[in-house]
Amino acid sequence: MDSKAELYIAISIFVLTYIFIIIETFDRTVVAVTGAALMILLKIINQESAVEEVDFNTLGLLIGMMILVMITKRSGVFEYVAIKLVKIAKGSPKKIMIYLSLSTGILSALLDNVTTIMLIIPITLNIAEELSINPVPLIITEVFASNVGGTATLIGDPPNIIIGSKVGLSFTNFIINNGPFVLLSLIISITLFTLRHIKELKTTRDLKEKIMERDEKSLIKDKFLLCKCLLVLGAVFVAFMLHGILGYESATIAMTGAVILLLISNLNVEEILSELEWSTILFFVGLFILVGGLKSVGAINKLAEFVLRITKGHLILTTISILWVSALASAFIDNIPFVTTMIPLIQHMGEISDINLKPLWWALSLGACLGGNGTIVGASANVVACGLSKKQGHKITFKKFLFEAFPMMFLTIAMATLYLYLVYLM
């Protein structure tokens, strides 16, 4: 099979897979794994390369955090936090949405967006059940906030980790350059999401009064287990923040924490493992192999080269093109291989011309991280949140997420365009 035929077949498999994910005729995990299998069966990518394309750092982080959350959940702390937060908000669903979303955005900058979502979603689902409101608007807003917040720091989103390590940008560099824009985007997007759903964010006076009377302390089922969980989670979070100094990947930290908590919690390991979101994990495996197929035939490379070719080294045009192409590509394909491909191409541009690369790095970071908000498969946090929501009987469809999040993603990228121009290109 010649390279052109391989390219067309790989793109066809990828597009068809996404069509079936969108129309939801079959379960999205089955569709993603089928697409991945076709990539291997049709020899677009061989089995060994397919395994190499699976990002075990992402999967290890997911599995480790899932185990930590599942054990912590048994202490009753999520129910406690849910009732406590409702009381602080005086039972107002609008205030709850704002508080939860802001907390998600801030935590995502300090930890990472996947970890934050795994901690916030169980609390959100508990609150929604107590107030008898639809949790879907809250979850979509929190997912959006997690991806926006994660853009602010080196450790908040995987593309930033890659850009930082390859280019030599520090934690402080990201805070200074992305931080102000992220804070503004967070406030605007949460406000707009809240206004959009203001009619849905209502509950009855009886439910409010009932919750205000509840004793949240009585919801803690096992104080000794809670102490163990908080100790391990605290150590994991500190290690996340210091991972650059420690030299450990986030997956190593999460899995180590999970193993320690399994050892000291004295809970049934099989029971904990059976509750993990295995369908979400398999979905990621399928996506990684699908994108690996595109990568192996040079499709992502061609897209990156096309952007750099049409801009002809013009700084403003190149910066804005990288921002928008990164955003749109990251909404539909995993942003990690795209960013990995773009970095050497941008570096090569700097070698053959006198173009200032600084705006291009921030355009790549903002585009790749914010673009993940475009679709349900655009970022790991999106997939995890939808998986947790579905498990509790609240399915978020591809179309629902697209309809809610894509216009808002478009707005944040438009804002980023103006920000980059005013700060770096004037």
Protein backbone atom coordinates (compact mmCIF):
# COMPACT_ATOMS: atom_id res chain seq x y z
CA MET A 1 0.00 0.00 0.00
CA ASP A 2 1.49 3.39 -0.99
CA SER A 3 1.77 6.31 1.43
CA LYS A 4 -1.06 8.29 -0.20
CA ALA A 5 -3.50 5.39 0.14
CA GLU A 6 -2.47 4.94 3.77
CA LEU A 7 -3.07 8.64 4.43
CA TYR A 8 -6.57 8.54 2.92
CA ILE A 9 -7.49 5.31 4.73
CA ALA A 10 -6.23 6.64 8.10
CA ILE A 11 -8.18 9.89 7.70
CA SER A 12 -11.31 7.96 6.60
CA ILE A 13 -11.16 5.66 9.66
CA PHE A 14 -10.64 8.65 11.94
CA VAL A 15 -13.52 10.67 10.43
CA LEU A 16 -15.92 7.67 10.42
CA THR A 17 -15.07 6.91 14.03
CA TYR A 18 -15.89 10.47 15.03
CA ILE A 19 -19.14 10.41 13.06
CA PHE A 20 -20.26 7.30 14.98
CA ILE A 21 -19.18 8.89 18.28
CA ILE A 22 -21.26 11.98 17.43
CA ILE A 23 -24.42 10.14 16.29
CA GLU A 24 -24.12 7.74 19.26
CA THR A 25 -25.64 4.71 17.51
CA PHE A 26 -23.18 2.56 19.43
CA ASP A 27 -21.37 3.03 22.74
CA ARG A 28 -18.49 5.48 22.21
CA THR A 29 -15.95 3.16 23.86
CA VAL A 30 -16.85 0.35 21.42
CA VAL A 31 -16.60 2.80 18.49
CA ALA A 32 -13.18 4.15 19.56
CA VAL A 33 -11.72 0.67 20.13
CA THR A 34 -13.16 -0.53 16.77
CA GLY A 35 -11.52 2.43 14.99
CA ALA A 36 -8.23 1.64 16.71
CA ALA A 37 -8.51 -2.04 15.72
CA LEU A 38 -9.10 -1.06 12.07
CA MET A 39 -5.96 1.10 12.13
CA ILE A 40 -3.98 -1.99 13.17
CA LEU A 41 -5.81 -4.54 10.97
CA LEU A 42 -5.39 -2.40 7.84
CA LYS A 43 -1.70 -1.96 8.71
CA ILE A 44 -1.85 1.82 9.05
CA ILE A 45 0.03 1.32 12.29
CA ASN A 46 1.60 -1.90 13.54
CA GLN A 47 0.77 -3.41 16.92
CA GLU A 48 4.07 -2.45 18.57
CA SER A 49 3.74 1.19 17.45
CA ALA A 50 0.09 1.24 18.53
CA VAL A 51 1.10 0.21 22.05
CA GLU A 52 3.79 2.91 22.05
CA GLU A 53 1.19 5.54 21.10
CA VAL A 54 -0.89 4.80 24.21
CA ASP A 55 0.00 7.50 26.75
CA PHE A 56 0.51 5.46 29.91
CA ASN A 57 1.21 8.63 31.88
CA THR A 58 -2.37 9.75 31.26
CA LEU A 59 -3.80 6.28 31.95
CA GLY A 60 -1.70 5.85 35.09
CA LEU A 61 -2.85 9.23 36.37
CA LEU A 62 -6.48 8.32 35.65
CA ILE A 63 -6.34 4.89 37.30
CA GLY A 64 -4.38 6.15 40.30
CA MET A 65 -6.76 9.06 40.93
CA MET A 66 -9.83 6.86 40.38
CA ILE A 67 -8.60 4.48 43.11
CA LEU A 68 -7.88 7.40 45.46
CA VAL A 69 -11.33 8.91 44.84
CA MET A 70 -13.15 5.57 45.20
CA ILE A 71 -11.52 4.90 48.59
CA THR A 72 -12.01 8.49 49.81
CA LYS A 73 -15.67 8.34 48.79
CA ARG A 74 -16.25 5.56 51.35
CA SER A 75 -15.42 7.94 54.20
CA GLY A 76 -18.46 10.10 53.40
CA VAL A 77 -16.37 13.25 52.89
CA PHE A 78 -17.92 14.10 49.51
CA GLU A 79 -21.40 14.17 51.05
CA TYR A 80 -20.01 16.31 53.89
CA VAL A 81 -18.43 18.84 51.49
CA ALA A 82 -21.60 18.90 49.37
CA ILE A 83 -23.85 19.83 52.31
CA LYS A 84 -21.28 22.30 53.68
CA LEU A 85 -21.05 24.06 50.31
CA VAL A 86 -24.85 24.19 49.94
CA LYS A 87 -25.07 25.82 53.38
CA ILE A 88 -22.40 28.41 52.48
CA ALA A 89 -24.39 29.20 49.30
CA LYS A 90 -27.61 29.25 51.38
CA GLY A 91 -29.10 26.64 49.06
CA SER A 92 -28.87 28.83 45.94
CA PRO A 93 -28.10 26.67 42.85
CA LYS A 94 -26.73 29.75 41.03
CA LYS A 95 -24.20 30.48 43.79
CA ILE A 96 -23.32 26.78 44.01
CA MET A 97 -22.58 26.69 40.27
CA ILE A 98 -20.34 29.75 40.56
CA TYR A 99 -18.50 28.50 43.69
CA LEU A 100 -17.92 25.00 42.29
CA SER A 101 -16.75 26.27 38.89
CA LEU A 102 -14.37 28.85 40.36
CA SER A 103 -12.97 26.24 42.74
CA THR A 104 -12.51 23.86 39.79
CA GLY A 105 -10.61 26.47 37.77
CA ILE A 106 -8.29 27.39 40.65
CA LEU A 107 -7.61 23.77 41.68
CA SER A 108 -6.91 22.81 38.05
CA ALA A 109 -4.14 25.39 37.94
CA LEU A 110 -2.58 24.08 41.15
CA LEU A 111 -3.00 20.36 40.48
CA ASP A 112 -4.16 19.32 37.00
CA ASN A 113 -7.58 19.36 35.34
CA VAL A 114 -8.18 15.57 35.41
CA THR A 115 -7.43 15.24 39.14
CA THR A 116 -9.62 18.24 39.94
CA ILE A 117 -12.56 16.93 37.92
CA MET A 118 -12.35 13.55 39.65
CA LEU A 119 -12.68 15.29 43.03
CA ILE A 120 -15.32 17.87 42.05
CA ILE A 121 -17.80 15.72 40.07
CA PRO A 122 -18.80 13.41 42.98
CA ILE A 123 -19.49 16.52 45.12
CA THR A 124 -21.52 18.07 42.29
CA LEU A 125 -23.61 14.94 41.82
CA ASN A 126 -24.33 14.80 45.57
CA ILE A 127 -25.44 18.45 45.62
CA ALA A 128 -27.65 17.99 42.54
CA GLU A 129 -29.33 15.01 44.16
CA GLU A 130 -29.93 16.89 47.42
CA LEU A 131 -31.43 19.93 45.66
CA SER A 132 -33.20 17.90 42.96
CA ILE A 133 -31.58 19.84 40.10
CA ASN A 134 -30.07 18.69 36.79
CA PRO A 135 -26.28 18.32 37.32
CA VAL A 136 -25.42 18.44 33.60
CA PRO A 137 -25.13 22.28 33.29
CA LEU A 138 -22.95 22.34 36.42
CA ILE A 139 -20.72 19.53 35.12
CA ILE A 140 -20.21 21.08 31.68
CA THR A 141 -19.35 24.43 33.29
CA GLU A 142 -16.91 22.74 35.67
CA VAL A 143 -15.23 20.86 32.81
CA PHE A 144 -14.88 24.12 30.89
CA ALA A 145 -13.46 25.84 33.99
CA SER A 146 -11.00 22.98 34.57
CA ASN A 147 -9.53 23.30 31.07
CA VAL A 148 -9.37 27.10 31.29
CA GLY A 149 -7.82 27.00 34.78
CA GLY A 150 -5.30 24.33 33.77
CA THR A 151 -4.01 26.66 31.04
CA ALA A 152 -2.59 29.04 33.66
CA THR A 153 0.30 26.90 34.89
CA LEU A 154 3.04 24.53 33.83
CA ILE A 155 1.38 21.54 35.56
CA GLY A 156 -2.28 22.35 34.85
CA ASP A 157 -2.54 20.69 31.43
CA PRO A 158 -0.27 18.17 29.61
CA PRO A 159 0.48 20.47 26.59
CA ASN A 160 1.97 23.03 28.98
CA ILE A 161 4.19 20.39 30.58
CA ILE A 162 5.47 19.40 27.12
CA ILE A 163 6.01 23.01 25.96
CA GLY A 164 7.69 23.94 29.24
CA SER A 165 10.13 21.02 29.19
CA LYS A 166 11.00 21.27 25.48
CA VAL A 167 11.32 25.07 25.36
CA GLY A 168 12.62 25.77 28.86
CA LEU A 169 9.65 27.74 30.22
CA SER A 170 9.19 27.76 33.99
CA PHE A 171 6.15 27.61 36.29
CA THR A 172 6.54 31.38 36.79
CA ASN A 173 6.66 32.02 33.01
CA PHE A 174 3.26 30.36 32.58
CA ILE A 175 1.70 32.21 35.53
CA ILE A 176 2.92 35.60 34.24
CA ASN A 177 2.05 35.04 30.57
CA ASN A 178 -1.13 32.90 30.72
CA GLY A 179 -2.36 33.73 34.24
CA PRO A 180 -4.02 37.15 33.67
CA PHE A 181 -5.85 35.95 30.55
CA VAL A 182 -6.97 32.71 32.25
CA LEU A 183 -8.43 34.62 35.22
CA LEU A 184 -10.42 36.90 32.90
CA SER A 185 -11.60 33.95 30.76
CA LEU A 186 -12.63 32.03 33.86
CA ILE A 187 -14.79 34.87 35.19
CA ILE A 188 -16.42 35.58 31.81
CA SER A 189 -17.11 31.94 30.88
CA ILE A 190 -18.57 31.02 34.31
CA THR A 191 -20.77 34.15 34.23
CA LEU A 192 -22.06 33.33 30.74
CA PHE A 193 -22.72 29.66 31.57
CA THR A 194 -24.60 30.70 34.73
CA LEU A 195 -26.72 33.24 32.83
CA ARG A 196 -27.45 30.67 30.14
CA HIS A 197 -28.83 28.17 32.66
CA ILE A 198 -30.31 30.60 35.17
CA LYS A 199 -33.87 29.31 34.61
CA GLU A 200 -32.79 25.71 35.29
CA LEU A 201 -30.86 26.60 38.44
CA LYS A 202 -33.83 26.54 40.78
CA THR A 203 -34.92 24.40 43.68
CA THR A 204 -37.78 24.42 46.17
CA ARG A 205 -37.82 26.27 49.49
CA ASP A 206 -38.58 22.98 51.26
CA LEU A 207 -35.42 21.35 49.89
CA LYS A 208 -33.33 24.38 50.85
CA GLU A 209 -34.71 24.38 54.41
CA LYS A 210 -34.29 20.63 54.69
CA ILE A 211 -30.60 20.86 53.71
CA MET A 212 -29.92 23.88 55.94
CA GLU A 213 -31.18 21.82 58.90
CA ARG A 214 -28.94 18.82 58.17
CA ASP A 215 -25.88 18.04 60.25
CA GLU A 216 -23.07 17.53 57.76
CA LYS A 217 -20.75 16.06 60.44
CA SER A 218 -23.04 13.03 60.73
CA LEU A 219 -22.28 12.18 57.08
CA ILE A 220 -18.68 11.21 57.85
CA LYS A 221 -18.97 7.40 58.01
CA ASP A 222 -15.38 6.53 58.91
CA LYS A 223 -13.20 9.22 60.53
CA PHE A 224 -10.15 6.96 60.73
CA LEU A 225 -10.37 6.17 56.99
CA LEU A 226 -10.89 9.88 56.26
CA CYS A 227 -7.68 10.76 58.12
CA LYS A 228 -5.75 8.18 56.08
CA CYS A 229 -7.26 9.47 52.82
CA LEU A 230 -6.54 13.13 53.60
CA LEU A 231 -2.96 12.29 54.55
CA VAL A 232 -2.31 10.39 51.31
CA LEU A 233 -4.19 12.90 49.12
CA GLY A 234 -2.28 15.78 50.73
CA ALA A 235 1.03 14.05 50.00
CA VAL A 236 -0.06 13.34 46.40
CA PHE A 237 -1.06 16.98 45.81
CA VAL A 238 2.23 18.29 47.23
CA ALA A 239 4.10 15.81 45.00
CA PHE A 240 2.10 17.02 41.97
CA MET A 241 3.17 20.60 42.64
CA LEU A 242 6.81 19.56 43.13
CA HIS A 243 6.93 16.92 40.39
CA GLY A 244 9.44 18.94 38.36
CA ILE A 245 11.86 19.05 41.29
CA LEU A 246 11.19 15.43 42.31
CA GLY A 247 11.61 14.15 38.75
CA TYR A 248 8.54 11.89 38.82
CA GLU A 249 5.72 11.79 36.28
CA SER A 250 2.18 12.49 37.50
CA ALA A 251 1.19 8.85 36.84
CA THR A 252 3.95 7.60 39.15
CA ILE A 253 2.78 9.94 41.92
CA ALA A 254 -0.90 9.02 41.53
CA MET A 255 -0.26 5.27 41.35
CA THR A 256 2.08 5.38 44.35
CA GLY A 257 -0.59 7.22 46.37
CA ALA A 258 -3.23 4.71 45.23
CA VAL A 259 -1.10 1.70 46.24
CA ILE A 260 -0.31 3.20 49.65
CA LEU A 261 -3.99 3.94 50.33
CA LEU A 262 -4.99 0.44 49.20
CA LEU A 263 -2.46 -0.99 51.66
CA ILE A 264 -3.47 1.10 54.67
CA SER A 265 -7.25 1.31 54.11
CA ASN A 266 -7.88 -2.44 54.65
CA LEU A 267 -10.65 -2.33 52.04
CA ASN A 268 -11.51 -5.08 49.53
CA VAL A 269 -9.17 -4.41 46.57
CA GLU A 270 -11.33 -6.33 44.06
CA GLU A 271 -14.36 -4.26 45.07
CA ILE A 272 -12.46 -0.99 44.56
CA LEU A 273 -11.03 -2.07 41.18
CA SER A 274 -14.46 -3.22 39.95
CA GLU A 275 -15.80 0.32 40.45
CA LEU A 276 -13.18 1.99 38.25
CA GLU A 277 -14.30 3.63 34.97
CA TRP A 278 -12.80 0.94 32.73
CA SER A 279 -14.92 2.05 29.77
CA THR A 280 -13.37 5.53 30.02
CA ILE A 281 -9.87 4.05 30.18
CA LEU A 282 -10.52 1.86 27.10
CA PHE A 283 -11.98 4.87 25.30
CA PHE A 284 -8.68 6.70 25.83
CA VAL A 285 -6.71 3.70 24.57
CA GLY A 286 -8.81 3.73 21.38
CA LEU A 287 -8.30 7.48 20.88
CA PHE A 288 -4.54 7.27 21.42
CA ILE A 289 -4.21 4.55 18.77
CA LEU A 290 -6.49 6.44 16.34
CA VAL A 291 -4.37 9.58 16.64
CA GLY A 292 -1.24 7.41 16.44
CA GLY A 293 -2.51 6.14 13.09
CA LEU A 294 -2.87 9.70 11.80
CA LYS A 295 0.58 10.51 13.15
CA SER A 296 2.19 7.46 11.51
CA VAL A 297 0.97 8.46 8.02
CA GLY A 298 2.09 12.08 8.54
CA ALA A 299 -1.38 13.67 8.70
CA ILE A 300 -0.62 15.78 11.80
CA ASN A 301 2.77 16.76 10.38
CA LYS A 302 1.15 17.89 7.13
CA LEU A 303 -1.35 20.03 9.05
CA ALA A 304 1.43 21.72 11.03
CA GLU A 305 3.58 22.29 7.94
CA PHE A 306 0.58 23.71 6.07
CA VAL A 307 0.06 26.34 8.79
CA LEU A 308 3.69 27.42 8.71
CA ARG A 309 3.78 27.42 4.90
CA ILE A 310 0.75 29.67 4.33
CA THR A 311 1.86 32.25 6.93
CA LYS A 312 5.29 32.69 5.27
CA GLY A 313 6.95 33.80 8.51
CA HIS A 314 4.68 36.80 9.12
CA LEU A 315 4.67 37.10 12.94
CA ILE A 316 1.06 38.23 13.49
CA LEU A 317 -0.38 35.83 10.91
CA THR A 318 1.75 32.93 12.16
CA THR A 319 0.83 33.52 15.81
CA ILE A 320 -2.90 33.76 15.14
CA SER A 321 -2.83 30.77 12.77
CA ILE A 322 -1.05 28.60 15.36
CA LEU A 323 -3.60 29.67 18.00
CA TRP A 324 -6.67 28.83 15.90
CA VAL A 325 -5.35 25.66 14.24
CA SER A 326 -4.16 24.38 17.63
CA ALA A 327 -7.59 25.10 19.13
CA LEU A 328 -9.60 23.46 16.35
CA ALA A 329 -7.23 20.47 16.10
CA SER A 330 -7.24 19.97 19.89
CA ALA A 331 -11.04 19.93 19.94
CA PHE A 332 -11.05 16.77 17.80
CA ILE A 333 -7.69 15.06 18.26
CA ASP A 334 -5.52 14.60 21.32
CA ASN A 335 -3.53 17.79 21.87
CA ILE A 336 -0.41 15.95 23.10
CA PRO A 337 0.78 14.57 19.71
CA PHE A 338 -0.20 17.83 18.00
CA VAL A 339 1.87 19.93 20.43
CA THR A 340 4.75 17.44 20.22
CA THR A 341 4.71 17.82 16.41
CA MET A 342 4.40 21.61 16.43
CA ILE A 343 7.31 22.31 18.80
CA PRO A 344 10.18 21.21 16.47
CA LEU A 345 8.48 22.89 13.51
CA ILE A 346 8.27 26.21 15.38
CA GLN A 347 11.87 25.80 16.55
CA HIS A 348 12.95 25.17 12.94
CA MET A 349 11.15 28.34 11.91
CA GLY A 350 13.25 30.27 14.39
CA GLU A 351 16.42 28.71 12.99
CA ILE A 352 15.74 29.71 9.37
CA SER A 353 14.36 33.21 10.09
CA ASP A 354 14.59 36.01 12.63
CA ILE A 355 10.97 35.59 13.76
CA ASN A 356 10.28 36.14 17.48
CA LEU A 357 9.19 32.75 18.84
CA LYS A 358 7.85 33.97 22.20
CA PRO A 359 4.29 34.77 20.96
CA LEU A 360 4.18 31.43 19.10
CA TRP A 361 4.77 29.40 22.28
CA TRP A 362 1.95 31.17 24.11
CA ALA A 363 -0.32 30.82 21.07
CA LEU A 364 0.39 27.08 21.02
CA SER A 365 -0.25 26.77 24.76
CA LEU A 366 -3.51 28.76 24.74
CA GLY A 367 -4.80 27.10 21.56
CA ALA A 368 -4.04 23.52 22.61
CA CYS A 369 -5.37 23.86 26.17
CA LEU A 370 -8.47 26.00 25.50
CA GLY A 371 -9.31 24.09 22.31
CA GLY A 372 -9.86 20.96 24.41
CA ASN A 373 -13.14 22.54 25.54
CA GLY A 374 -14.62 22.26 22.05
CA THR A 375 -15.93 18.69 22.17
CA ILE A 376 -16.52 15.85 24.60
CA VAL A 377 -13.30 14.14 23.41
CA GLY A 378 -11.16 17.28 23.28
CA ALA A 379 -9.54 16.81 26.69
CA SER A 380 -9.07 14.06 29.26
CA ALA A 381 -11.10 16.00 31.84
CA ASN A 382 -14.13 16.07 29.49
CA VAL A 383 -14.13 12.30 28.98
CA VAL A 384 -13.66 11.56 32.68
CA ALA A 385 -16.44 13.95 33.75
CA CYS A 386 -18.90 12.53 31.23
CA GLY A 387 -18.02 8.98 32.30
CA LEU A 388 -18.64 9.74 35.98
CA SER A 389 -21.87 11.55 35.14
CA LYS A 390 -23.15 8.69 32.99
CA LYS A 391 -22.43 6.19 35.78
CA GLN A 392 -24.84 8.14 38.01
CA GLY A 393 -27.56 8.16 35.33
CA HIS A 394 -26.87 11.60 33.81
CA LYS A 395 -25.67 11.01 30.25
CA ILE A 396 -23.99 13.92 28.47
CA THR A 397 -24.15 13.36 24.72
CA PHE A 398 -21.56 14.49 22.18
CA LYS A 399 -24.13 16.87 20.66
CA LYS A 400 -25.14 18.33 24.04
CA PHE A 401 -21.53 19.04 24.98
CA LEU A 402 -20.74 20.45 21.52
CA PHE A 403 -23.79 22.74 21.57
CA GLU A 404 -22.93 24.04 25.05
CA ALA A 405 -19.14 24.24 24.98
CA PHE A 406 -18.01 24.86 21.39
CA PRO A 407 -19.42 28.43 21.09
CA MET A 408 -17.84 29.28 24.44
CA MET A 409 -14.54 27.75 23.33
CA PHE A 410 -14.77 29.88 20.17
CA LEU A 411 -15.27 32.97 22.35
CA THR A 412 -12.24 32.21 24.55
CA ILE A 413 -10.04 31.71 21.47
CA ALA A 414 -11.30 35.02 20.03
CA MET A 415 -10.40 36.64 23.35
CA ALA A 416 -6.99 34.94 23.25
CA THR A 417 -6.42 36.37 19.76
CA LEU A 418 -6.98 39.90 21.09
CA TYR A 419 -4.84 39.18 24.17
CA LEU A 420 -1.90 37.89 22.12
CA TYR A 421 -2.09 40.86 19.76
CA LEU A 422 -2.22 43.48 22.53
CA VAL A 423 0.48 41.90 24.71
CA TYR A 424 2.97 40.48 22.16
CA LEU A 425 2.25 41.68 18.63
CA MET A 426 1.52 45.42 18.75
